[in-house]
Amino acid sequence: MIDIIIPNYNGADLLPTCLDALRAQTRRDWLVTVVDDGSTDHSLALLTTAYPEVRVVALERNRGLAAAVNAGLAATSAPYVVLLNNDTEATPHWLAELIGALERYPAYGFAASKLRLFDRREMLHSAGDYYQFDGEPGSRGVWERDRGQYDALTEVFGPCAGAAAYRRAILETLAQSGRVFDEDLVMYCEDVDLNLRARHHGVRTLFVPTAIVYHRLSATGGGVLASYYCGRNFLLVWIKNMPLPLVRRHWGALCVSQLRFAFASVRHLREPAARARLRGQWAALCALPLFVGKRRQQSHLSDTTLAGFAAALNLGLTAKARM
């Protein structure tokens, strides 16, 4: 069985497209759980009347994406977990291709979908995610026209959690304080943090090019909110997860990246998103003691695992060079 978990916040206008696409899936051994994160629109009424087959976990207040996904994980039990954004439309064979790849290739713990833009369907949003030594995450193929250049079944650094599959047993081994996603990150980069922790344990991700999903960018969050949390979480995720030998080697690249973002924001200070990123960077500095403390939860990496971790980040250098 497969559990599909969809976090939702005021997404009543988005859910019908997402859930109707799931109804059209060729694979049928799944259950959908929508975690409603304190919506104030008619999301809950819509789910009750139009989608009675969907299980609903309703949170009393808005707690952020990471907490919503954790609530969904706690309420489900199938051996495969699929996370799906509410602002997506999956193609009919998406789930069969995504889970089928994990079934065929047991060496991989996670599987990444091919994400295309909802309104420009020939354009890519992600062909698997990458991560750089300077703390900047990214998506392979972002803003490129899909010409088949990413149609190989291949290993990537990690999946975008907007449309990704996971083996539950692996997620359980990665949980910290009983939670798979770090709720102190709130939203944005919570999947990057999970991918880094997975790489600490040698967990690998397979990109499945035939598992295609169309994505409305930042339909639920975005803008100032995204700028704030990216400004905050880029630094905190690096501080929490970068192994000490790589910290010594690449701390200068992190500082250059952070200063570049700060200077760019100062140049555009009249724009709300720029001011939000600066606030996020300041919030990250204030939260540093908490996230330095979280490093203690990370196990010491063997030389072999450290080499594999560095190789996984080098996948990102390859991806960036192609852009």
C-alpha atoms as a PDB file:
ATOM      1  CA  MET A   1       0.000   0.000   0.000  1.00  0.00           C
ATOM      2  CA  ILE A   2       0.949   3.627  -0.557  1.00  0.00           C
ATOM      3  CA  ASP A   3       0.086   6.662   1.560  1.00  0.00           C
ATOM      4  CA  ILE A   4      -0.180   9.926  -0.369  1.00  0.00           C
ATOM      5  CA  ILE A   5       0.087  12.873   2.015  1.00  0.00           C
ATOM      6  CA  ILE A   6      -1.011  16.326   0.827  1.00  0.00           C
ATOM      7  CA  PRO A   7      -0.435  19.327   3.119  1.00  0.00           C
ATOM      8  CA  ASN A   8      -3.046  22.025   2.571  1.00  0.00           C
ATOM      9  CA  TYR A   9      -3.474  25.590   3.732  1.00  0.00           C
ATOM     10  CA  ASN A  10      -6.349  27.612   2.243  1.00  0.00           C
ATOM     11  CA  GLY A  11      -6.078  25.539  -0.918  1.00  0.00           C
ATOM     12  CA  ALA A  12      -9.753  25.028  -1.739  1.00  0.00           C
ATOM     13  CA  ASP A  13      -9.208  26.422  -5.228  1.00  0.00           C
ATOM     14  CA  LEU A  14      -6.231  24.115  -5.813  1.00  0.00           C
ATOM     15  CA  LEU A  15      -7.388  20.806  -4.352  1.00  0.00           C
ATOM     16  CA  PRO A  16      -9.876  19.768  -7.087  1.00  0.00           C
ATOM     17  CA  THR A  17      -7.187  19.711  -9.793  1.00  0.00           C
ATOM     18  CA  CYS A  18      -4.808  17.797  -7.521  1.00  0.00           C
ATOM     19  CA  LEU A  19      -7.336  15.241  -6.254  1.00  0.00           C
ATOM     20  CA  ASP A  20      -9.054  14.707  -9.616  1.00  0.00           C
ATOM     21  CA  ALA A  21      -5.661  13.826 -11.085  1.00  0.00           C
ATOM     22  CA  LEU A  22      -5.173  11.252  -8.329  1.00  0.00           C
ATOM     23  CA  ARG A  23      -8.543   9.727  -9.126  1.00  0.00           C
ATOM     24  CA  ALA A  24      -7.254   9.183 -12.672  1.00  0.00           C
ATOM     25  CA  GLN A  25      -4.111   7.291 -11.614  1.00  0.00           C
ATOM     26  CA  THR A  26      -3.555   3.914 -13.271  1.00  0.00           C
ATOM     27  CA  ARG A  27      -2.197   2.465 -10.021  1.00  0.00           C
ATOM     28  CA  ARG A  28      -4.860   2.033  -7.363  1.00  0.00           C
ATOM     29  CA  ASP A  29      -3.230   0.660  -4.174  1.00  0.00           C
ATOM     30  CA  TRP A  30      -3.099   3.976  -2.359  1.00  0.00           C
ATOM     31  CA  LEU A  31      -4.894   6.153   0.167  1.00  0.00           C
ATOM     32  CA  VAL A  32      -4.876   9.940   0.282  1.00  0.00           C
ATOM     33  CA  THR A  33      -4.506  11.908   3.500  1.00  0.00           C
ATOM     34  CA  VAL A  34      -4.935  15.669   3.338  1.00  0.00           C
ATOM     35  CA  VAL A  35      -3.457  17.471   6.321  1.00  0.00           C
ATOM     36  CA  ASP A  36      -5.297  20.748   6.654  1.00  0.00           C
ATOM     37  CA  ASP A  37      -3.003  23.240   8.346  1.00  0.00           C
ATOM     38  CA  GLY A  38      -5.611  25.475   9.971  1.00  0.00           C
ATOM     39  CA  SER A  39      -7.290  26.682   6.776  1.00  0.00           C
ATOM     40  CA  THR A  40      -9.791  29.519   7.006  1.00  0.00           C
ATOM     41  CA  ASP A  41     -11.320  28.957   3.565  1.00  0.00           C
ATOM     42  CA  HIS A  42     -13.781  26.188   2.615  1.00  0.00           C
ATOM     43  CA  SER A  43     -11.140  23.452   2.187  1.00  0.00           C
ATOM     44  CA  LEU A  44     -12.638  21.172   4.838  1.00  0.00           C
ATOM     45  CA  ALA A  45     -16.178  21.528   3.470  1.00  0.00           C
ATOM     46  CA  LEU A  46     -14.923  20.779  -0.040  1.00  0.00           C
ATOM     47  CA  LEU A  47     -13.153  17.616   1.088  1.00  0.00           C
ATOM     48  CA  THR A  48     -16.191  16.385   3.009  1.00  0.00           C
ATOM     49  CA  THR A  49     -18.677  16.912   0.194  1.00  0.00           C
ATOM     50  CA  ALA A  50     -16.675  16.288  -2.991  1.00  0.00           C
ATOM     51  CA  TYR A  51     -13.914  13.879  -1.912  1.00  0.00           C
ATOM     52  CA  PRO A  52     -15.293  11.511   0.729  1.00  0.00           C
ATOM     53  CA  GLU A  53     -12.580   8.939  -0.054  1.00  0.00           C
ATOM     54  CA  VAL A  54      -9.916  11.303   1.294  1.00  0.00           C
ATOM     55  CA  ARG A  55      -8.827  11.024   4.901  1.00  0.00           C
ATOM     56  CA  VAL A  56      -8.535  14.436   6.555  1.00  0.00           C
ATOM     57  CA  VAL A  57      -6.248  15.375   9.421  1.00  0.00           C
ATOM     58  CA  ALA A  58      -7.365  18.843  10.517  1.00  0.00           C
ATOM     59  CA  LEU A  59      -4.899  20.864  12.601  1.00  0.00           C
ATOM     60  CA  GLU A  60      -6.470  23.446  14.889  1.00  0.00           C
ATOM     61  CA  ARG A  61      -4.020  26.180  13.912  1.00  0.00           C
ATOM     62  CA  ASN A  62      -1.521  26.884  11.185  1.00  0.00           C
ATOM     63  CA  ARG A  63       1.752  25.254  12.187  1.00  0.00           C
ATOM     64  CA  GLY A  64       3.747  25.314   8.950  1.00  0.00           C
ATOM     65  CA  LEU A  65       4.510  22.774   6.272  1.00  0.00           C
ATOM     66  CA  ALA A  66       7.004  20.670   8.222  1.00  0.00           C
ATOM     67  CA  ALA A  67       4.578  20.156  11.116  1.00  0.00           C
ATOM     68  CA  ALA A  68       1.717  19.378   8.736  1.00  0.00           C
ATOM     69  CA  VAL A  69       3.698  16.674   6.967  1.00  0.00           C
ATOM     70  CA  ASN A  70       4.787  15.198  10.302  1.00  0.00           C
ATOM     71  CA  ALA A  71       1.134  15.022  11.342  1.00  0.00           C
ATOM     72  CA  GLY A  72       0.346  13.181   8.126  1.00  0.00           C
ATOM     73  CA  LEU A  73       3.179  10.722   8.675  1.00  0.00           C
ATOM     74  CA  ALA A  74       1.979  10.060  12.227  1.00  0.00           C
ATOM     75  CA  ALA A  75      -1.551   9.342  10.978  1.00  0.00           C
ATOM     76  CA  THR A  76      -0.502   6.838   8.283  1.00  0.00           C
ATOM     77  CA  SER A  77       1.340   3.538   8.156  1.00  0.00           C
ATOM     78  CA  ALA A  78       1.838   2.231   4.589  1.00  0.00           C
ATOM     79  CA  PRO A  79       5.378   1.103   3.653  1.00  0.00           C
ATOM     80  CA  TYR A  80       5.604   3.700   0.878  1.00  0.00           C
ATOM     81  CA  VAL A  81       4.988   7.395   1.532  1.00  0.00           C
ATOM     82  CA  VAL A  82       4.357   9.916  -1.234  1.00  0.00           C
ATOM     83  CA  LEU A  83       4.373  13.641  -0.509  1.00  0.00           C
ATOM     84  CA  LEU A  84       2.452  15.803  -2.950  1.00  0.00           C
ATOM     85  CA  ASN A  85       1.789  19.534  -2.997  1.00  0.00           C
ATOM     86  CA  ASN A  86      -1.810  20.661  -3.283  1.00  0.00           C
ATOM     87  CA  ASP A  87      -0.868  22.909  -6.230  1.00  0.00           C
ATOM     88  CA  THR A  88       0.016  20.034  -8.558  1.00  0.00           C
ATOM     89  CA  GLU A  89      -1.546  17.946 -11.290  1.00  0.00           C
ATOM     90  CA  ALA A  90      -0.093  14.466 -11.700  1.00  0.00           C
ATOM     91  CA  THR A  91      -0.171  12.651 -15.021  1.00  0.00           C
ATOM     92  CA  PRO A  92      -2.112   9.329 -14.986  1.00  0.00           C
ATOM     93  CA  HIS A  93       0.966   7.056 -14.841  1.00  0.00           C
ATOM     94  CA  TRP A  94       2.848   9.215 -12.332  1.00  0.00           C
ATOM     95  CA  LEU A  95       2.335   7.078  -9.224  1.00  0.00           C
ATOM     96  CA  ALA A  96       2.875   3.777 -11.036  1.00  0.00           C
ATOM     97  CA  GLU A  97       6.172   5.030 -12.437  1.00  0.00           C
ATOM     98  CA  LEU A  98       7.394   6.618  -9.204  1.00  0.00           C
ATOM     99  CA  ILE A  99       6.668   3.721  -6.841  1.00  0.00           C
ATOM    100  CA  GLY A 100       7.486   1.151  -9.508  1.00  0.00           C
ATOM    101  CA  ALA A 101      11.019   2.534  -9.653  1.00  0.00           C
ATOM    102  CA  LEU A 102      11.508   2.037  -5.907  1.00  0.00           C
ATOM    103  CA  GLU A 103      10.109  -1.480  -6.199  1.00  0.00           C
ATOM    104  CA  ARG A 104      12.539  -2.325  -9.006  1.00  0.00           C
ATOM    105  CA  TYR A 105      15.593  -0.684  -7.445  1.00  0.00           C
ATOM    106  CA  PRO A 106      15.834  -1.550  -3.731  1.00  0.00           C
ATOM    107  CA  ALA A 107      19.192   0.226  -3.365  1.00  0.00           C
ATOM    108  CA  TYR A 108      17.365   3.565  -3.467  1.00  0.00           C
ATOM    109  CA  GLY A 109      15.390   4.982  -0.556  1.00  0.00           C
ATOM    110  CA  PHE A 110      13.816   8.044  -2.188  1.00  0.00           C
ATOM    111  CA  ALA A 111      12.407   8.724  -5.649  1.00  0.00           C
ATOM    112  CA  ALA A 112      12.118  12.110  -7.378  1.00  0.00           C
ATOM    113  CA  SER A 113       9.471  13.105  -9.915  1.00  0.00           C
ATOM    114  CA  LYS A 114       9.938  15.239 -13.008  1.00  0.00           C
ATOM    115  CA  LEU A 115       8.214  18.543 -12.230  1.00  0.00           C
ATOM    116  CA  ARG A 116       7.076  20.786 -15.063  1.00  0.00           C
ATOM    117  CA  LEU A 117       5.438  24.208 -14.838  1.00  0.00           C
ATOM    118  CA  PHE A 118       1.649  24.104 -14.671  1.00  0.00           C
ATOM    119  CA  ASP A 119       1.070  27.049 -17.001  1.00  0.00           C
ATOM    120  CA  ARG A 120       3.996  26.407 -19.377  1.00  0.00           C
ATOM    121  CA  ARG A 121       3.929  22.672 -19.659  1.00  0.00           C
ATOM    122  CA  GLU A 122       6.979  22.302 -21.838  1.00  0.00           C
ATOM    123  CA  MET A 123       9.153  23.993 -19.162  1.00  0.00           C
ATOM    124  CA  LEU A 124      10.915  22.188 -16.326  1.00  0.00           C
ATOM    125  CA  HIS A 125      10.807  23.102 -12.679  1.00  0.00           C
ATOM    126  CA  SER A 126      12.819  20.160 -11.284  1.00  0.00           C
ATOM    127  CA  ALA A 127      14.438  17.030 -12.617  1.00  0.00           C
ATOM    128  CA  GLY A 128      15.637  16.161  -9.138  1.00  0.00           C
ATOM    129  CA  ASP A 129      17.241  18.543  -6.652  1.00  0.00           C
ATOM    130  CA  TYR A 130      20.874  19.280  -5.919  1.00  0.00           C
ATOM    131  CA  TYR A 131      22.812  20.958  -3.108  1.00  0.00           C
ATOM    132  CA  GLN A 132      26.017  22.973  -3.230  1.00  0.00           C
ATOM    133  CA  PHE A 133      28.938  23.275  -0.853  1.00  0.00           C
ATOM    134  CA  ASP A 134      28.089  26.955  -0.289  1.00  0.00           C
ATOM    135  CA  GLY A 135      24.660  26.066   1.125  1.00  0.00           C
ATOM    136  CA  GLU A 136      22.585  26.983  -1.925  1.00  0.00           C
ATOM    137  CA  PRO A 137      20.054  24.320  -2.982  1.00  0.00           C
ATOM    138  CA  GLY A 138      18.799  24.079  -6.539  1.00  0.00           C
ATOM    139  CA  SER A 139      16.785  22.076  -9.053  1.00  0.00           C
ATOM    140  CA  ARG A 140      18.185  20.343 -12.118  1.00  0.00           C
ATOM    141  CA  GLY A 141      16.729  21.748 -15.298  1.00  0.00           C
ATOM    142  CA  VAL A 142      14.877  24.636 -13.687  1.00  0.00           C
ATOM    143  CA  TRP A 143      13.489  27.069 -16.320  1.00  0.00           C
ATOM    144  CA  GLU A 144      14.750  24.855 -19.167  1.00  0.00           C
ATOM    145  CA  ARG A 145      12.510  23.646 -21.976  1.00  0.00           C
ATOM    146  CA  ASP A 146      12.049  19.894 -21.605  1.00  0.00           C
ATOM    147  CA  ARG A 147      13.687  18.488 -24.725  1.00  0.00           C
ATOM    148  CA  GLY A 148      14.379  15.069 -23.226  1.00  0.00           C
ATOM    149  CA  GLN A 149      17.757  16.122 -21.804  1.00  0.00           C
ATOM    150  CA  TYR A 150      16.785  14.701 -18.399  1.00  0.00           C
ATOM    151  CA  ASP A 151      15.031  11.555 -19.558  1.00  0.00           C
ATOM    152  CA  ALA A 152      17.570   9.124 -18.086  1.00  0.00           C
ATOM    153  CA  LEU A 153      16.776   7.179 -14.943  1.00  0.00           C
ATOM    154  CA  THR A 154      19.612   8.435 -12.771  1.00  0.00           C
ATOM    155  CA  GLU A 155      20.772   9.178  -9.248  1.00  0.00           C
ATOM    156  CA  VAL A 156      20.307  12.725  -7.955  1.00  0.00           C
ATOM    157  CA  PHE A 157      21.126  14.398  -4.658  1.00  0.00           C
ATOM    158  CA  GLY A 158      17.511  14.303  -3.448  1.00  0.00           C
ATOM    159  CA  PRO A 159      13.872  14.826  -4.392  1.00  0.00           C
ATOM    160  CA  CYS A 160      11.755  17.931  -4.193  1.00  0.00           C
ATOM    161  CA  ALA A 161       9.131  17.024  -1.585  1.00  0.00           C
ATOM    162  CA  GLY A 162       6.457  18.638  -3.737  1.00  0.00           C
ATOM    163  CA  ALA A 163       6.162  15.266  -5.514  1.00  0.00           C
ATOM    164  CA  ALA A 164       8.388  12.581  -4.022  1.00  0.00           C
ATOM    165  CA  ALA A 165       8.271   8.979  -2.799  1.00  0.00           C
ATOM    166  CA  TYR A 166       9.968   7.550   0.289  1.00  0.00           C
ATOM    167  CA  ARG A 167      10.350   4.191   1.972  1.00  0.00           C
ATOM    168  CA  ARG A 168       8.707   4.662   5.365  1.00  0.00           C
ATOM    169  CA  ALA A 169      11.233   2.456   7.133  1.00  0.00           C
ATOM    170  CA  ILE A 170      13.991   4.820   6.041  1.00  0.00           C
ATOM    171  CA  LEU A 171      12.063   7.907   7.119  1.00  0.00           C
ATOM    172  CA  GLU A 172      11.662   6.354  10.545  1.00  0.00           C
ATOM    173  CA  THR A 173      15.433   5.858  10.861  1.00  0.00           C
ATOM    174  CA  LEU A 174      15.973   9.518   9.956  1.00  0.00           C
ATOM    175  CA  ALA A 175      13.492  10.903  12.493  1.00  0.00           C
ATOM    176  CA  GLN A 176      14.876  13.210  15.161  1.00  0.00           C
ATOM    177  CA  SER A 177      12.990  13.533  18.433  1.00  0.00           C
ATOM    178  CA  GLY A 178      10.248  11.462  16.817  1.00  0.00           C
ATOM    179  CA  ARG A 179       9.816  13.834  13.858  1.00  0.00           C
ATOM    180  CA  VAL A 180      10.896  13.242  10.272  1.00  0.00           C
ATOM    181  CA  PHE A 181      10.828  16.892   9.182  1.00  0.00           C
ATOM    182  CA  ASP A 182      12.482  19.567  11.321  1.00  0.00           C
ATOM    183  CA  GLU A 183       9.623  21.768  12.516  1.00  0.00           C
ATOM    184  CA  ASP A 184      12.025  24.508  13.574  1.00  0.00           C
ATOM    185  CA  LEU A 185      12.535  25.181   9.854  1.00  0.00           C
ATOM    186  CA  VAL A 186       8.756  25.744   9.521  1.00  0.00           C
ATOM    187  CA  MET A 187       8.731  25.679   5.694  1.00  0.00           C
ATOM    188  CA  TYR A 188      11.124  25.935   2.749  1.00  0.00           C
ATOM    189  CA  CYS A 189      14.283  23.798   2.766  1.00  0.00           C
ATOM    190  CA  GLU A 190      12.702  21.272   5.145  1.00  0.00           C
ATOM    191  CA  ASP A 191      13.097  18.719   2.330  1.00  0.00           C
ATOM    192  CA  VAL A 192      16.712  19.815   1.752  1.00  0.00           C
ATOM    193  CA  ASP A 193      17.392  19.185   5.435  1.00  0.00           C
ATOM    194  CA  LEU A 194      15.848  15.708   5.126  1.00  0.00           C
ATOM    195  CA  ASN A 195      17.889  14.961   1.999  1.00  0.00           C
ATOM    196  CA  LEU A 196      21.101  15.952   3.755  1.00  0.00           C
ATOM    197  CA  ARG A 197      20.295  13.784   6.751  1.00  0.00           C
ATOM    198  CA  ALA A 198      19.509  10.930   4.386  1.00  0.00           C
ATOM    199  CA  ARG A 199      22.904  11.348   2.749  1.00  0.00           C
ATOM    200  CA  HIS A 200      24.483  11.181   6.211  1.00  0.00           C
ATOM    201  CA  HIS A 201      23.079   7.639   6.344  1.00  0.00           C
ATOM    202  CA  GLY A 202      24.014   6.709   2.792  1.00  0.00           C
ATOM    203  CA  VAL A 203      20.415   6.901   1.515  1.00  0.00           C
ATOM    204  CA  ARG A 204      20.259   7.472  -2.253  1.00  0.00           C
ATOM    205  CA  THR A 205      17.632   9.088  -4.488  1.00  0.00           C
ATOM    206  CA  LEU A 206      16.521   7.927  -7.928  1.00  0.00           C
ATOM    207  CA  PHE A 207      15.164  10.424 -10.462  1.00  0.00           C
ATOM    208  CA  VAL A 208      12.256   8.920 -12.404  1.00  0.00           C
ATOM    209  CA  PRO A 209      11.759  10.919 -15.632  1.00  0.00           C
ATOM    210  CA  THR A 210       8.507   9.170 -16.537  1.00  0.00           C
ATOM    211  CA  ALA A 211       6.852  10.252 -13.249  1.00  0.00           C
ATOM    212  CA  ILE A 212       5.588  13.640 -14.435  1.00  0.00           C
ATOM    213  CA  VAL A 213       3.763  16.253 -12.362  1.00  0.00           C
ATOM    214  CA  TYR A 214       2.713  19.786 -13.311  1.00  0.00           C
ATOM    215  CA  HIS A 215       3.319  22.347 -10.568  1.00  0.00           C
ATOM    216  CA  ARG A 216       1.905  25.819  -9.943  1.00  0.00           C
ATOM    217  CA  LEU A 217       4.854  27.622  -8.420  1.00  0.00           C
ATOM    218  CA  SER A 218       4.324  28.868  -4.855  1.00  0.00           C
ATOM    219  CA  ALA A 219       0.550  28.872  -5.145  1.00  0.00           C
ATOM    220  CA  THR A 220       0.109  28.329  -1.394  1.00  0.00           C
ATOM    221  CA  GLY A 221       3.251  30.113  -0.208  1.00  0.00           C
ATOM    222  CA  GLY A 222       5.738  32.321  -1.998  1.00  0.00           C
ATOM    223  CA  GLY A 223       6.742  35.936  -2.418  1.00  0.00           C
ATOM    224  CA  VAL A 224       7.708  37.587   0.855  1.00  0.00           C
ATOM    225  CA  LEU A 225       7.103  34.377   2.810  1.00  0.00           C
ATOM    226  CA  ALA A 226       9.446  32.376   0.591  1.00  0.00           C
ATOM    227  CA  SER A 227      12.090  35.089   0.664  1.00  0.00           C
ATOM    228  CA  TYR A 228      12.056  35.206   4.469  1.00  0.00           C
ATOM    229  CA  TYR A 229      12.313  31.467   5.035  1.00  0.00           C
ATOM    230  CA  CYS A 230      14.882  30.896   2.283  1.00  0.00           C
ATOM    231  CA  GLY A 231      16.943  33.740   3.746  1.00  0.00           C
ATOM    232  CA  ARG A 232      16.681  32.090   7.123  1.00  0.00           C
ATOM    233  CA  ASN A 233      16.948  28.415   6.284  1.00  0.00           C
ATOM    234  CA  PHE A 234      19.779  28.354   3.735  1.00  0.00           C
ATOM    235  CA  LEU A 235      22.221  29.153   6.528  1.00  0.00           C
ATOM    236  CA  LEU A 236      20.578  27.016   9.210  1.00  0.00           C
ATOM    237  CA  VAL A 237      20.371  23.871   7.084  1.00  0.00           C
ATOM    238  CA  TRP A 238      24.085  24.176   6.225  1.00  0.00           C
ATOM    239  CA  ILE A 239      25.083  24.782   9.845  1.00  0.00           C
ATOM    240  CA  LYS A 240      23.048  21.806  11.000  1.00  0.00           C
ATOM    241  CA  ASN A 241      24.102  19.264   8.389  1.00  0.00           C
ATOM    242  CA  MET A 242      27.449  19.992   6.768  1.00  0.00           C
ATOM    243  CA  PRO A 243      30.015  17.468   8.074  1.00  0.00           C
ATOM    244  CA  LEU A 244      32.881  19.067   9.994  1.00  0.00           C
ATOM    245  CA  PRO A 245      35.614  18.235   7.438  1.00  0.00           C
ATOM    246  CA  LEU A 246      33.519  19.956   4.757  1.00  0.00           C
ATOM    247  CA  VAL A 247      32.751  22.878   7.092  1.00  0.00           C
ATOM    248  CA  ARG A 248      36.492  23.510   7.407  1.00  0.00           C
ATOM    249  CA  ARG A 249      36.910  23.323   3.641  1.00  0.00           C
ATOM    250  CA  HIS A 250      33.879  25.315   2.489  1.00  0.00           C
ATOM    251  CA  TRP A 251      32.969  27.833   5.221  1.00  0.00           C
ATOM    252  CA  GLY A 252      34.385  30.618   3.030  1.00  0.00           C
ATOM    253  CA  ALA A 253      32.039  29.687   0.186  1.00  0.00           C
ATOM    254  CA  LEU A 254      29.111  29.828   2.626  1.00  0.00           C
ATOM    255  CA  CYS A 255      30.136  33.324   3.770  1.00  0.00           C
ATOM    256  CA  VAL A 256      30.456  34.544   0.167  1.00  0.00           C
ATOM    257  CA  SER A 257      27.010  33.155  -0.659  1.00  0.00           C
ATOM    258  CA  GLN A 258      25.392  34.756   2.371  1.00  0.00           C
ATOM    259  CA  LEU A 259      27.050  38.119   1.723  1.00  0.00           C
ATOM    260  CA  ARG A 260      26.023  38.008  -1.927  1.00  0.00           C
ATOM    261  CA  PHE A 261      22.383  37.508  -0.927  1.00  0.00           C
ATOM    262  CA  ALA A 262      22.633  40.298   1.654  1.00  0.00           C
ATOM    263  CA  PHE A 263      24.208  42.816  -0.751  1.00  0.00           C
ATOM    264  CA  ALA A 264      21.642  41.987  -3.434  1.00  0.00           C
ATOM    265  CA  SER A 265      18.845  42.536  -0.929  1.00  0.00           C
ATOM    266  CA  VAL A 266      20.307  45.878   0.169  1.00  0.00           C
ATOM    267  CA  ARG A 267      20.476  47.008  -3.470  1.00  0.00           C
ATOM    268  CA  HIS A 268      16.774  46.222  -3.846  1.00  0.00           C
ATOM    269  CA  LEU A 269      15.747  47.354  -0.376  1.00  0.00           C
ATOM    270  CA  ARG A 270      12.557  49.014  -1.592  1.00  0.00           C
ATOM    271  CA  GLU A 271      11.194  45.622  -2.613  1.00  0.00           C
ATOM    272  CA  PRO A 272       9.311  43.693   0.120  1.00  0.00           C
ATOM    273  CA  ALA A 273      10.933  40.377  -0.864  1.00  0.00           C
ATOM    274  CA  ALA A 274      14.431  41.852  -0.442  1.00  0.00           C
ATOM    275  CA  ARG A 275      13.607  43.184   3.006  1.00  0.00           C
ATOM    276  CA  ALA A 276      12.082  39.811   3.922  1.00  0.00           C
ATOM    277  CA  ARG A 277      15.283  37.988   2.939  1.00  0.00           C
ATOM    278  CA  LEU A 278      17.341  40.315   5.120  1.00  0.00           C
ATOM    279  CA  ARG A 279      14.976  39.672   8.035  1.00  0.00           C
ATOM    280  CA  GLY A 280      15.375  35.963   7.362  1.00  0.00           C
ATOM    281  CA  GLN A 281      19.153  36.178   7.426  1.00  0.00           C
ATOM    282  CA  TRP A 282      19.019  38.069  10.729  1.00  0.00           C
ATOM    283  CA  ALA A 283      16.608  35.447  12.128  1.00  0.00           C
ATOM    284  CA  ALA A 284      19.082  32.745  11.081  1.00  0.00           C
ATOM    285  CA  LEU A 285      21.856  34.406  13.074  1.00  0.00           C
ATOM    286  CA  CYS A 286      19.549  34.539  16.097  1.00  0.00           C
ATOM    287  CA  ALA A 287      18.720  30.831  15.685  1.00  0.00           C
ATOM    288  CA  LEU A 288      22.327  29.688  15.260  1.00  0.00           C
ATOM    289  CA  PRO A 289      22.715  28.340  18.842  1.00  0.00           C
ATOM    290  CA  LEU A 290      19.658  26.120  18.381  1.00  0.00           C
ATOM    291  CA  PHE A 291      20.892  24.681  15.091  1.00  0.00           C
ATOM    292  CA  VAL A 292      24.474  24.259  16.225  1.00  0.00           C
ATOM    293  CA  GLY A 293      22.962  22.194  19.030  1.00  0.00           C
ATOM    294  CA  LYS A 294      21.137  20.072  16.477  1.00  0.00           C
ATOM    295  CA  ARG A 295      24.493  18.995  15.034  1.00  0.00           C
ATOM    296  CA  ARG A 296      24.921  16.802  18.102  1.00  0.00           C
ATOM    297  CA  GLN A 297      22.036  14.687  16.818  1.00  0.00           C
ATOM    298  CA  GLN A 298      24.077  13.851  13.716  1.00  0.00           C
ATOM    299  CA  SER A 299      26.187  10.714  13.910  1.00  0.00           C
ATOM    300  CA  HIS A 300      29.894  10.878  13.073  1.00  0.00           C
ATOM    301  CA  LEU A 301      30.441   9.965   9.444  1.00  0.00           C
ATOM    302  CA  SER A 302      32.880   7.245   8.494  1.00  0.00           C
ATOM    303  CA  ASP A 303      35.410   8.039   5.782  1.00  0.00           C
ATOM    304  CA  THR A 304      33.376   5.995   3.320  1.00  0.00           C
ATOM    305  CA  THR A 305      30.099   7.751   4.150  1.00  0.00           C
ATOM    306  CA  LEU A 306      31.815  11.155   4.069  1.00  0.00           C
ATOM    307  CA  ALA A 307      33.164  10.384   0.612  1.00  0.00           C
ATOM    308  CA  GLY A 308      29.662   9.384  -0.505  1.00  0.00           C
ATOM    309  CA  PHE A 309      28.222  12.578   0.991  1.00  0.00           C
ATOM    310  CA  ALA A 310      30.743  14.732  -0.865  1.00  0.00           C
ATOM    311  CA  ALA A 311      30.088  12.806  -4.079  1.00  0.00           C
ATOM    312  CA  ALA A 312      26.361  13.478  -3.705  1.00  0.00           C
ATOM    313  CA  LEU A 313      27.060  17.211  -3.457  1.00  0.00           C
ATOM    314  CA  ASN A 314      29.293  16.958  -6.514  1.00  0.00           C
ATOM    315  CA  LEU A 315      26.197  15.792  -8.388  1.00  0.00           C
ATOM    316  CA  GLY A 316      25.008  19.344  -7.826  1.00  0.00           C
ATOM    317  CA  LEU A 317      28.133  20.797  -9.429  1.00  0.00           C
ATOM    318  CA  THR A 318      27.465  18.663 -12.499  1.00  0.00           C
ATOM    319  CA  ALA A 319      23.851  19.804 -12.624  1.00  0.00           C
ATOM    320  CA  LYS A 320      24.782  23.480 -12.261  1.00  0.00           C
ATOM    321  CA  ALA A 321      27.408  23.205 -15.006  1.00  0.00           C
ATOM    322  CA  ARG A 322      24.704  22.090 -17.440  1.00  0.00           C
ATOM    323  CA  MET A 323      22.523  25.145 -16.796  1.00  0.00           C
END
